[in-house]
Amino acid sequence: MSYEIINCPEVEPEGAPLERLWQSVLMDYPYYEGVSIAQSAFVQAARAQSFAAGHLGKESAEHQSYVSRWIAAGFTPELYLAVSQSVRSAAEWARKRCKDADDLLRLEERMHWLGVLSPNPRAGKKYSRFDRDAAGKPRLIEEQYPDFIVQLVPEAWADFPRRLQFHRPSAALQRHIYGDEV
């Protein structure tokens, strides 16, 4: 079986493959403390265009520290991506599993510790985005930033890779968020 590489630059891309993978997944999930500018749609579009052209880009010390913390917690870029894509649905499942109000309060505290529910520094502020109406014409929509966002804390997820040795990924994620023993 052969694979065809489509839309790749003709030049050798900058950086090591692992470094590029981490930068790639953090473009889709740039939500970590200290990098609010990287969460801007404009900045993300510019980074994606440069990255697609093979450039690695200059990353901040916060970015490098965040990646190092995930690596120390036993994560690969692919595992970080899988967790990031599934964390919201797993958190909803964990909420449904709560037995009473005390259990729900415990879970909410745990989700704050994990970074599943982090206070949004932009909460309450408004932002504008473009969308299209039914006729396809562009329109400007004003929305409010949510109160909470996902800003996962690497150290709080260090036990998660071990769970994958005993459970399928979705169950491992749900159990980790709920706080089951490993």
N, C-alpha and C. Protein backbone atom coordinates (compact mmCIF):
# COMPACT_ATOMS: atom_id res chain seq x y z
N MET A 1 0.85 -1.17 0.00
CA MET A 1 0.00 0.00 0.00
C MET A 1 0.89 1.23 0.00
N SER A 2 0.60 2.19 -0.84
CA SER A 2 1.38 3.42 -0.87
C SER A 2 0.48 4.59 -0.53
N TYR A 3 1.09 5.61 0.03
CA TYR A 3 0.37 6.81 0.40
C TYR A 3 0.85 7.97 -0.43
N GLU A 4 -0.08 8.76 -0.90
CA GLU A 4 0.27 9.94 -1.68
C GLU A 4 0.17 11.15 -0.77
N ILE A 5 1.18 11.97 -0.75
CA ILE A 5 1.17 13.17 0.06
C ILE A 5 0.61 14.29 -0.79
N ILE A 6 -0.45 14.90 -0.30
CA ILE A 6 -1.13 15.94 -1.05
C ILE A 6 -0.93 17.29 -0.38
N ASN A 7 -0.75 18.33 -1.18
CA ASN A 7 -0.62 19.70 -0.70
C ASN A 7 0.51 19.89 0.30
N CYS A 8 1.62 19.24 0.11
CA CYS A 8 2.78 19.43 0.96
C CYS A 8 3.79 20.30 0.23
N PRO A 9 4.52 21.11 0.99
CA PRO A 9 5.50 21.98 0.33
C PRO A 9 6.60 21.17 -0.34
N GLU A 10 7.19 21.76 -1.35
CA GLU A 10 8.28 21.12 -2.09
C GLU A 10 9.57 21.10 -1.29
N VAL A 11 9.67 21.97 -0.31
CA VAL A 11 10.89 22.05 0.50
C VAL A 11 10.75 21.17 1.73
N GLU A 12 11.88 20.83 2.30
CA GLU A 12 11.89 20.05 3.54
C GLU A 12 11.35 20.94 4.66
N PRO A 13 10.34 20.49 5.41
CA PRO A 13 9.78 21.34 6.46
C PRO A 13 10.77 21.53 7.62
N GLU A 14 10.65 22.68 8.26
CA GLU A 14 11.50 23.00 9.40
C GLU A 14 11.09 22.16 10.61
N GLY A 15 12.05 21.85 11.46
CA GLY A 15 11.76 21.17 12.71
C GLY A 15 11.72 19.67 12.61
N ALA A 16 11.82 19.02 13.76
CA ALA A 16 11.73 17.56 13.84
C ALA A 16 10.27 17.15 13.73
N PRO A 17 10.00 15.93 13.23
CA PRO A 17 8.61 15.49 13.08
C PRO A 17 7.78 15.59 14.38
N LEU A 18 8.35 15.20 15.52
CA LEU A 18 7.61 15.28 16.78
C LEU A 18 7.29 16.73 17.15
N GLU A 19 8.24 17.60 16.92
CA GLU A 19 8.05 19.03 17.19
C GLU A 19 6.91 19.58 16.31
N ARG A 20 6.88 19.17 15.06
CA ARG A 20 5.84 19.62 14.15
C ARG A 20 4.47 19.06 14.54
N LEU A 21 4.45 17.81 15.00
CA LEU A 21 3.18 17.21 15.43
C LEU A 21 2.59 17.97 16.62
N TRP A 22 3.44 18.29 17.61
CA TRP A 22 2.94 19.05 18.76
C TRP A 22 2.43 20.42 18.32
N GLN A 23 3.17 21.09 17.45
CA GLN A 23 2.72 22.39 17.00
C GLN A 23 1.39 22.27 16.24
N SER A 24 1.25 21.21 15.47
CA SER A 24 0.02 20.98 14.71
C SER A 24 -1.19 20.83 15.63
N VAL A 25 -1.12 19.95 16.61
CA VAL A 25 -2.28 19.74 17.47
C VAL A 25 -2.58 20.95 18.34
N LEU A 26 -1.54 21.69 18.72
CA LEU A 26 -1.79 22.89 19.52
C LEU A 26 -2.37 24.03 18.69
N MET A 27 -2.33 23.91 17.38
CA MET A 27 -3.04 24.90 16.56
C MET A 27 -4.54 24.66 16.65
N ASP A 28 -4.97 23.42 16.74
CA ASP A 28 -6.40 23.12 16.91
C ASP A 28 -6.87 23.30 18.34
N TYR A 29 -6.00 23.08 19.30
CA TYR A 29 -6.34 23.19 20.72
C TYR A 29 -5.33 24.08 21.44
N PRO A 30 -5.37 25.40 21.17
CA PRO A 30 -4.37 26.32 21.72
C PRO A 30 -4.74 26.87 23.10
N TYR A 31 -5.62 26.16 23.80
CA TYR A 31 -6.15 26.71 25.04
C TYR A 31 -5.34 26.28 26.25
N TYR A 32 -4.34 27.06 26.56
CA TYR A 32 -3.58 26.83 27.77
C TYR A 32 -3.20 28.17 28.36
N GLU A 33 -3.02 28.17 29.66
CA GLU A 33 -2.79 29.40 30.39
C GLU A 33 -1.59 30.17 29.85
N GLY A 34 -1.78 31.46 29.71
CA GLY A 34 -0.68 32.33 29.33
C GLY A 34 -0.55 32.61 27.84
N VAL A 35 -1.43 32.08 27.01
CA VAL A 35 -1.30 32.30 25.56
C VAL A 35 -2.62 32.75 24.93
N SER A 36 -3.23 33.74 25.51
CA SER A 36 -4.52 34.18 24.98
C SER A 36 -4.43 34.68 23.55
N ILE A 37 -3.29 35.24 23.15
CA ILE A 37 -3.16 35.73 21.77
C ILE A 37 -3.19 34.59 20.77
N ALA A 38 -2.68 33.42 21.15
CA ALA A 38 -2.67 32.27 20.24
C ALA A 38 -4.08 31.73 20.00
N GLN A 39 -5.04 32.19 20.80
CA GLN A 39 -6.41 31.73 20.64
C GLN A 39 -7.20 32.57 19.64
N SER A 40 -6.60 33.62 19.15
CA SER A 40 -7.26 34.49 18.18
C SER A 40 -7.40 33.77 16.83
N ALA A 41 -8.55 33.88 16.20
CA ALA A 41 -8.78 33.24 14.90
C ALA A 41 -7.81 33.77 13.85
N PHE A 42 -7.51 35.06 13.90
CA PHE A 42 -6.58 35.65 12.94
C PHE A 42 -5.19 35.06 13.11
N VAL A 43 -4.72 34.98 14.35
CA VAL A 43 -3.39 34.41 14.62
C VAL A 43 -3.35 32.95 14.21
N GLN A 44 -4.41 32.21 14.50
CA GLN A 44 -4.46 30.79 14.14
C GLN A 44 -4.40 30.61 12.62
N ALA A 45 -5.10 31.44 11.88
CA ALA A 45 -5.09 31.33 10.42
C ALA A 45 -3.70 31.64 9.86
N ALA A 46 -3.06 32.65 10.39
CA ALA A 46 -1.71 33.01 9.92
C ALA A 46 -0.71 31.90 10.25
N ARG A 47 -0.82 31.32 11.46
CA ARG A 47 0.08 30.22 11.86
C ARG A 47 -0.14 29.00 10.97
N ALA A 48 -1.41 28.69 10.68
CA ALA A 48 -1.71 27.52 9.85
C ALA A 48 -1.15 27.67 8.45
N GLN A 49 -1.24 28.87 7.89
CA GLN A 49 -0.72 29.12 6.55
C GLN A 49 0.80 28.98 6.53
N SER A 50 1.47 29.52 7.51
CA SER A 50 2.92 29.42 7.61
C SER A 50 3.35 27.97 7.83
N PHE A 51 2.62 27.27 8.69
CA PHE A 51 2.92 25.87 9.00
C PHE A 51 2.77 25.00 7.75
N ALA A 52 1.71 25.25 6.98
CA ALA A 52 1.47 24.49 5.75
C ALA A 52 2.58 24.71 4.72
N ALA A 53 3.23 25.86 4.80
CA ALA A 53 4.35 26.15 3.89
C ALA A 53 5.66 25.53 4.37
N GLY A 54 5.62 24.82 5.50
CA GLY A 54 6.80 24.13 6.00
C GLY A 54 7.54 24.84 7.10
N HIS A 55 7.07 26.03 7.49
CA HIS A 55 7.75 26.79 8.53
C HIS A 55 7.29 26.34 9.91
N LEU A 56 8.20 26.26 10.82
CA LEU A 56 7.87 25.83 12.18
C LEU A 56 7.35 26.99 13.01
N GLY A 57 7.89 28.14 12.82
CA GLY A 57 7.44 29.30 13.60
C GLY A 57 8.15 29.35 14.93
N LYS A 58 8.19 30.52 15.48
CA LYS A 58 8.86 30.73 16.76
C LYS A 58 7.82 30.56 17.86
N GLU A 59 8.06 29.62 18.74
CA GLU A 59 7.12 29.37 19.82
C GLU A 59 7.59 30.02 21.11
N SER A 60 6.64 30.41 21.91
CA SER A 60 6.94 31.08 23.17
C SER A 60 7.47 30.08 24.20
N ALA A 61 8.02 30.60 25.25
CA ALA A 61 8.50 29.76 26.35
C ALA A 61 7.33 29.02 26.99
N GLU A 62 6.16 29.68 27.04
CA GLU A 62 4.97 29.03 27.61
C GLU A 62 4.57 27.81 26.77
N HIS A 63 4.64 27.95 25.44
CA HIS A 63 4.30 26.85 24.54
C HIS A 63 5.26 25.68 24.76
N GLN A 64 6.54 25.96 24.79
CA GLN A 64 7.53 24.91 24.97
C GLN A 64 7.37 24.24 26.32
N SER A 65 7.09 25.01 27.35
CA SER A 65 6.88 24.46 28.69
C SER A 65 5.64 23.57 28.72
N TYR A 66 4.57 24.03 28.05
CA TYR A 66 3.32 23.26 28.02
C TYR A 66 3.55 21.90 27.35
N VAL A 67 4.23 21.89 26.23
CA VAL A 67 4.53 20.63 25.54
C VAL A 67 5.39 19.74 26.42
N SER A 68 6.40 20.28 27.05
CA SER A 68 7.26 19.49 27.93
C SER A 68 6.48 18.88 29.08
N ARG A 69 5.54 19.62 29.62
CA ARG A 69 4.71 19.09 30.72
C ARG A 69 3.86 17.93 30.24
N TRP A 70 3.32 17.99 29.02
CA TRP A 70 2.52 16.88 28.48
C TRP A 70 3.40 15.66 28.24
N ILE A 71 4.58 15.87 27.72
CA ILE A 71 5.50 14.75 27.48
C ILE A 71 5.86 14.09 28.81
N ALA A 72 6.12 14.89 29.85
CA ALA A 72 6.43 14.35 31.17
C ALA A 72 5.24 13.57 31.75
N ALA A 73 4.02 13.93 31.36
CA ALA A 73 2.82 13.23 31.82
C ALA A 73 2.56 11.96 31.01
N GLY A 74 3.41 11.67 30.01
CA GLY A 74 3.27 10.44 29.23
C GLY A 74 2.42 10.57 27.98
N PHE A 75 2.22 11.79 27.51
CA PHE A 75 1.36 12.02 26.35
C PHE A 75 2.17 12.18 25.07
N THR A 76 1.57 11.73 23.99
CA THR A 76 2.06 11.98 22.64
C THR A 76 1.14 13.03 22.04
N PRO A 77 1.51 13.64 20.92
CA PRO A 77 0.59 14.60 20.28
C PRO A 77 -0.75 13.94 19.92
N GLU A 78 -0.69 12.68 19.48
CA GLU A 78 -1.92 11.99 19.07
C GLU A 78 -2.84 11.76 20.28
N LEU A 79 -2.26 11.41 21.43
CA LEU A 79 -3.07 11.20 22.63
C LEU A 79 -3.66 12.52 23.11
N TYR A 80 -2.87 13.59 23.05
CA TYR A 80 -3.37 14.92 23.42
C TYR A 80 -4.55 15.30 22.52
N LEU A 81 -4.43 15.04 21.24
CA LEU A 81 -5.50 15.35 20.29
C LEU A 81 -6.76 14.54 20.62
N ALA A 82 -6.60 13.25 20.86
CA ALA A 82 -7.75 12.39 21.16
C ALA A 82 -8.47 12.85 22.42
N VAL A 83 -7.71 13.18 23.46
CA VAL A 83 -8.32 13.66 24.70
C VAL A 83 -9.03 14.98 24.46
N SER A 84 -8.38 15.90 23.77
CA SER A 84 -8.96 17.21 23.51
C SER A 84 -10.25 17.11 22.72
N GLN A 85 -10.31 16.20 21.76
CA GLN A 85 -11.51 16.05 20.94
C GLN A 85 -12.67 15.43 21.72
N SER A 86 -12.38 14.64 22.73
CA SER A 86 -13.42 13.87 23.40
C SER A 86 -13.75 14.34 24.81
N VAL A 87 -13.02 15.30 25.34
CA VAL A 87 -13.16 15.66 26.74
C VAL A 87 -14.55 16.20 27.09
N ARG A 88 -15.16 16.96 26.23
CA ARG A 88 -16.47 17.53 26.54
C ARG A 88 -17.55 16.45 26.68
N SER A 89 -17.58 15.52 25.74
CA SER A 89 -18.60 14.46 25.83
C SER A 89 -18.34 13.54 27.02
N ALA A 90 -17.08 13.28 27.33
CA ALA A 90 -16.75 12.45 28.49
C ALA A 90 -17.14 13.16 29.79
N ALA A 91 -16.99 14.47 29.83
CA ALA A 91 -17.39 15.23 31.01
C ALA A 91 -18.90 15.18 31.20
N GLU A 92 -19.64 15.25 30.11
CA GLU A 92 -21.11 15.14 30.20
C GLU A 92 -21.51 13.76 30.73
N TRP A 93 -20.84 12.72 30.25
CA TRP A 93 -21.11 11.37 30.74
C TRP A 93 -20.83 11.28 32.23
N ALA A 94 -19.71 11.86 32.67
CA ALA A 94 -19.34 11.83 34.09
C ALA A 94 -20.38 12.56 34.94
N ARG A 95 -20.93 13.66 34.44
CA ARG A 95 -21.98 14.38 35.17
C ARG A 95 -23.22 13.51 35.34
N LYS A 96 -23.59 12.79 34.29
CA LYS A 96 -24.77 11.92 34.36
C LYS A 96 -24.58 10.79 35.35
N ARG A 97 -23.34 10.42 35.60
CA ARG A 97 -23.02 9.32 36.50
C ARG A 97 -23.13 9.72 37.97
N CYS A 98 -23.15 11.01 38.26
CA CYS A 98 -23.20 11.47 39.64
C CYS A 98 -24.47 10.99 40.34
N LYS A 99 -24.28 10.56 41.57
CA LYS A 99 -25.37 9.97 42.35
C LYS A 99 -26.23 11.01 43.06
N ASP A 100 -25.62 12.12 43.48
CA ASP A 100 -26.34 13.14 44.23
C ASP A 100 -25.61 14.48 44.09
N ALA A 101 -26.11 15.49 44.80
CA ALA A 101 -25.54 16.83 44.70
C ALA A 101 -24.09 16.88 45.22
N ASP A 102 -23.80 16.12 46.28
CA ASP A 102 -22.42 16.10 46.80
C ASP A 102 -21.46 15.49 45.79
N ASP A 103 -21.91 14.43 45.13
CA ASP A 103 -21.06 13.79 44.11
C ASP A 103 -20.84 14.74 42.93
N LEU A 104 -21.87 15.47 42.55
CA LEU A 104 -21.74 16.44 41.46
C LEU A 104 -20.78 17.57 41.86
N LEU A 105 -20.86 18.04 43.10
CA LEU A 105 -19.94 19.07 43.57
C LEU A 105 -18.50 18.56 43.53
N ARG A 106 -18.27 17.31 43.97
CA ARG A 106 -16.94 16.71 43.93
C ARG A 106 -16.43 16.64 42.51
N LEU A 107 -17.30 16.23 41.58
CA LEU A 107 -16.93 16.13 40.17
C LEU A 107 -16.58 17.50 39.60
N GLU A 108 -17.37 18.50 39.89
CA GLU A 108 -17.10 19.85 39.39
C GLU A 108 -15.73 20.33 39.89
N GLU A 109 -15.41 20.08 41.15
CA GLU A 109 -14.10 20.45 41.68
C GLU A 109 -13.00 19.69 40.95
N ARG A 110 -13.22 18.41 40.69
CA ARG A 110 -12.23 17.62 39.97
C ARG A 110 -12.04 18.16 38.54
N MET A 111 -13.14 18.53 37.89
CA MET A 111 -13.04 19.05 36.53
C MET A 111 -12.29 20.38 36.49
N HIS A 112 -12.41 21.19 37.54
CA HIS A 112 -11.62 22.42 37.62
C HIS A 112 -10.14 22.06 37.76
N TRP A 113 -9.83 21.07 38.58
CA TRP A 113 -8.44 20.64 38.80
C TRP A 113 -7.84 20.07 37.51
N LEU A 114 -8.63 19.30 36.74
CA LEU A 114 -8.17 18.72 35.48
C LEU A 114 -8.01 19.78 34.39
N GLY A 115 -8.73 20.88 34.53
CA GLY A 115 -8.73 21.92 33.50
C GLY A 115 -9.85 21.76 32.51
N VAL A 116 -10.77 20.83 32.78
CA VAL A 116 -11.93 20.64 31.90
C VAL A 116 -12.84 21.86 32.03
N LEU A 117 -12.90 22.44 33.22
CA LEU A 117 -13.66 23.66 33.47
C LEU A 117 -12.72 24.71 34.04
N SER A 118 -12.15 25.51 33.18
CA SER A 118 -11.27 26.59 33.62
C SER A 118 -11.97 27.92 33.40
N PRO A 119 -11.85 28.83 34.36
CA PRO A 119 -12.46 30.15 34.15
C PRO A 119 -11.87 30.79 32.88
N ASN A 120 -12.74 31.30 32.05
CA ASN A 120 -12.32 31.94 30.81
C ASN A 120 -11.90 33.38 31.11
N PRO A 121 -10.66 33.75 30.81
CA PRO A 121 -10.24 35.14 31.08
C PRO A 121 -11.04 36.16 30.28
N ARG A 122 -11.71 35.72 29.24
CA ARG A 122 -12.52 36.63 28.41
C ARG A 122 -14.02 36.49 28.69
N ALA A 123 -14.38 35.78 29.75
CA ALA A 123 -15.79 35.56 30.07
C ALA A 123 -16.54 36.89 30.15
N GLY A 124 -17.73 36.91 29.56
CA GLY A 124 -18.56 38.10 29.60
C GLY A 124 -18.26 39.11 28.51
N LYS A 125 -17.09 39.05 27.91
CA LYS A 125 -16.75 39.98 26.84
C LYS A 125 -17.38 39.52 25.54
N LYS A 126 -17.59 40.43 24.65
CA LYS A 126 -18.21 40.09 23.36
C LYS A 126 -17.15 40.06 22.27
N TYR A 127 -17.43 39.26 21.25
CA TYR A 127 -16.56 39.20 20.07
C TYR A 127 -17.45 39.08 18.84
N SER A 128 -16.90 39.45 17.71
CA SER A 128 -17.64 39.39 16.45
C SER A 128 -17.06 38.29 15.58
N ARG A 129 -17.92 37.62 14.87
CA ARG A 129 -17.48 36.61 13.92
C ARG A 129 -18.34 36.71 12.67
N PHE A 130 -17.77 36.25 11.57
CA PHE A 130 -18.50 36.25 10.31
C PHE A 130 -19.18 34.91 10.12
N ASP A 131 -20.36 34.95 9.54
CA ASP A 131 -21.11 33.75 9.20
C ASP A 131 -21.85 34.07 7.90
N ARG A 132 -22.56 33.10 7.39
CA ARG A 132 -23.35 33.34 6.17
C ARG A 132 -24.82 33.08 6.49
N ASP A 133 -25.67 33.91 5.90
CA ASP A 133 -27.10 33.69 6.09
C ASP A 133 -27.59 32.62 5.11
N ALA A 134 -28.88 32.34 5.10
CA ALA A 134 -29.45 31.28 4.26
C ALA A 134 -29.19 31.52 2.78
N ALA A 135 -29.07 32.78 2.38
CA ALA A 135 -28.82 33.12 0.97
C ALA A 135 -27.33 33.07 0.63
N GLY A 136 -26.49 32.83 1.63
CA GLY A 136 -25.05 32.76 1.39
C GLY A 136 -24.33 34.09 1.53
N LYS A 137 -25.05 35.12 1.95
CA LYS A 137 -24.43 36.44 2.12
C LYS A 137 -23.71 36.49 3.48
N PRO A 138 -22.52 37.09 3.49
CA PRO A 138 -21.81 37.19 4.78
C PRO A 138 -22.52 38.15 5.73
N ARG A 139 -22.47 37.80 7.00
CA ARG A 139 -23.06 38.67 8.02
C ARG A 139 -22.18 38.62 9.27
N LEU A 140 -22.19 39.69 10.00
CA LEU A 140 -21.40 39.82 11.22
C LEU A 140 -22.30 39.45 12.40
N ILE A 141 -21.83 38.53 13.24
CA ILE A 141 -22.59 38.09 14.40
C ILE A 141 -21.79 38.43 15.65
N GLU A 142 -22.45 39.02 16.62
CA GLU A 142 -21.79 39.33 17.89
C GLU A 142 -22.18 38.27 18.91
N GLU A 143 -21.18 37.68 19.56
CA GLU A 143 -21.41 36.63 20.55
C GLU A 143 -20.63 36.94 21.81
N GLN A 144 -20.97 36.23 22.87
CA GLN A 144 -20.29 36.42 24.14
C GLN A 144 -19.41 35.20 24.43
N TYR A 145 -18.20 35.46 24.94
CA TYR A 145 -17.31 34.37 25.32
C TYR A 145 -17.95 33.57 26.45
N PRO A 146 -17.77 32.25 26.47
CA PRO A 146 -18.36 31.44 27.55
C PRO A 146 -17.65 31.68 28.88
N ASP A 147 -18.32 31.31 29.98
CA ASP A 147 -17.74 31.49 31.31
C ASP A 147 -16.56 30.55 31.55
N PHE A 148 -16.65 29.34 30.98
CA PHE A 148 -15.60 28.35 31.19
C PHE A 148 -15.10 27.82 29.86
N ILE A 149 -13.81 27.49 29.81
CA ILE A 149 -13.21 26.87 28.65
C ILE A 149 -12.35 25.70 29.11
N VAL A 150 -11.94 24.87 28.18
CA VAL A 150 -11.06 23.75 28.49
C VAL A 150 -9.61 24.23 28.41
N GLN A 151 -8.89 24.14 29.53
CA GLN A 151 -7.46 24.44 29.58
C GLN A 151 -6.83 23.31 30.39
N LEU A 152 -6.65 22.18 29.76
CA LEU A 152 -6.19 20.98 30.45
C LEU A 152 -4.85 21.20 31.16
N VAL A 153 -4.74 20.63 32.34
CA VAL A 153 -3.54 20.75 33.17
C VAL A 153 -2.76 19.44 33.04
N PRO A 154 -1.62 19.44 32.37
CA PRO A 154 -0.90 18.18 32.10
C PRO A 154 -0.67 17.30 33.32
N GLU A 155 -0.26 17.89 34.42
CA GLU A 155 0.06 17.09 35.60
C GLU A 155 -1.16 16.35 36.15
N ALA A 156 -2.34 16.90 35.95
CA ALA A 156 -3.57 16.27 36.43
C ALA A 156 -3.97 15.08 35.55
N TRP A 157 -3.33 14.94 34.40
CA TRP A 157 -3.66 13.87 33.46
C TRP A 157 -2.60 12.78 33.40
N ALA A 158 -1.61 12.82 34.29
CA ALA A 158 -0.49 11.87 34.24
C ALA A 158 -0.92 10.41 34.40
N ASP A 159 -2.01 10.14 35.11
CA ASP A 159 -2.49 8.76 35.29
C ASP A 159 -3.29 8.25 34.09
N PHE A 160 -3.70 9.17 33.22
CA PHE A 160 -4.57 8.76 32.11
C PHE A 160 -3.93 7.74 31.17
N PRO A 161 -2.67 7.91 30.72
CA PRO A 161 -2.11 6.91 29.80
C PRO A 161 -2.14 5.48 30.37
N ARG A 162 -1.97 5.36 31.69
CA ARG A 162 -2.02 4.02 32.31
C ARG A 162 -3.42 3.41 32.20
N ARG A 163 -4.45 4.25 32.29
CA ARG A 163 -5.83 3.75 32.17
C ARG A 163 -6.07 3.07 30.81
N LEU A 164 -5.38 3.54 29.79
CA LEU A 164 -5.56 2.98 28.46
C LEU A 164 -5.10 1.53 28.38
N GLN A 165 -4.32 1.09 29.34
CA GLN A 165 -3.87 -0.30 29.37
C GLN A 165 -4.97 -1.23 29.88
N PHE A 166 -6.04 -0.66 30.44
CA PHE A 166 -7.10 -1.48 31.04
C PHE A 166 -8.49 -1.20 30.50
N HIS A 167 -8.65 -0.09 29.77
CA HIS A 167 -9.98 0.29 29.28
C HIS A 167 -9.87 0.82 27.86
N ARG A 168 -10.97 0.74 27.13
CA ARG A 168 -10.98 1.36 25.81
C ARG A 168 -10.88 2.87 26.01
N PRO A 169 -10.42 3.61 25.01
CA PRO A 169 -10.15 5.05 25.20
C PRO A 169 -11.33 5.86 25.75
N SER A 170 -12.53 5.65 25.22
CA SER A 170 -13.66 6.45 25.71
C SER A 170 -13.96 6.15 27.17
N ALA A 171 -13.92 4.89 27.57
CA ALA A 171 -14.17 4.53 28.96
C ALA A 171 -13.06 5.04 29.87
N ALA A 172 -11.81 4.96 29.41
CA ALA A 172 -10.68 5.46 30.21
C ALA A 172 -10.83 6.96 30.46
N LEU A 173 -11.23 7.69 29.44
CA LEU A 173 -11.40 9.13 29.58
C LEU A 173 -12.54 9.45 30.55
N GLN A 174 -13.66 8.77 30.40
CA GLN A 174 -14.79 9.00 31.30
C GLN A 174 -14.42 8.67 32.74
N ARG A 175 -13.72 7.57 32.95
CA ARG A 175 -13.32 7.17 34.30
C ARG A 175 -12.31 8.15 34.89
N HIS A 176 -11.41 8.66 34.06
CA HIS A 176 -10.41 9.61 34.55
C HIS A 176 -11.09 10.90 35.00
N ILE A 177 -12.00 11.39 34.21
CA ILE A 177 -12.71 12.62 34.57
C ILE A 177 -13.54 12.41 35.83
N TYR A 178 -14.23 11.28 35.92
CA TYR A 178 -15.06 11.01 37.10
C TYR A 178 -14.20 10.82 38.34
N GLY A 179 -13.01 10.25 38.16
CA GLY A 179 -12.11 10.06 39.29
C GLY A 179 -12.05 8.65 39.82
N ASP A 180 -12.42 7.67 38.99
CA ASP A 180 -12.31 6.27 39.40
C ASP A 180 -10.84 5.92 39.67
N GLU A 181 -10.63 4.94 40.51
CA GLU A 181 -9.27 4.46 40.76
C GLU A 181 -8.73 3.85 39.49
N VAL A 182 -7.40 3.95 39.32
CA VAL A 182 -6.75 3.38 38.13
C VAL A 182 -6.71 1.88 38.24
